[in-house]
């Protein structure tokens, strides 16, 4: 990338159907948090263009887009956000969903991502994940996710490639969350953890983490009096 930024980053990991996109979109509404879903980035690329046609050759079969192409598209997206001042590296924290998706991507992006937390949305019931994918496919007109073979391939690819990527990072950064719960309960666990980070990490400036409601300081009212 043209600028040598290190982006403060929270990663979302979880198998397809675990709710990463839903939770990431909600977190992205908080001040100073910027959610980027690589799936959404890919889908917004015109299908008739060079990149779009190349992407479709893989996604239509449930396969991952090649690493080099994925990272180049991500870098271009980041540059556009910075140019529009929707992303200010000194102020914002990235919430990344769908990237890095494998070990080589994690290695390649290590020098530009300052990962402060990894949320691992665990879902043990693959049938439940499959049902969620089909429901989303109907809701969002993503017909590929209605295909049983494509779903199997995506789940297999997750276990073979994406899940193993967690081992690239220090395990103390990984925070497991039960994604079998209702979405609102998953969100509760995410926000509770972010609240804990507020108290254990020293932020250089007020951020979304420090703006979350917390317990009033003991003696605060006496001091005000």
Foldseek 3Di string as FASTA:
>chain_A
DPDQAAAEEEEEAEAQLLCLVVLLVVVCVFFQEHEDELVVLLVPPDCPDPSNVLCCVAVLQLHDRDLVSSVVSVVVVVVVCVVVVVDDRLRHYYYYHPPPQFQVRCVVCVSRYPYQAYEYAYEPDLVNSLVSLCVVCVVVVVCSSVDPSSSVSRRVCSVVGRVVNCVVDDPVRYDYDHSVDDPVVSSVVVLVVLQVCCVVDDRPDDGSSNPDDDDDDPCPVVVVD
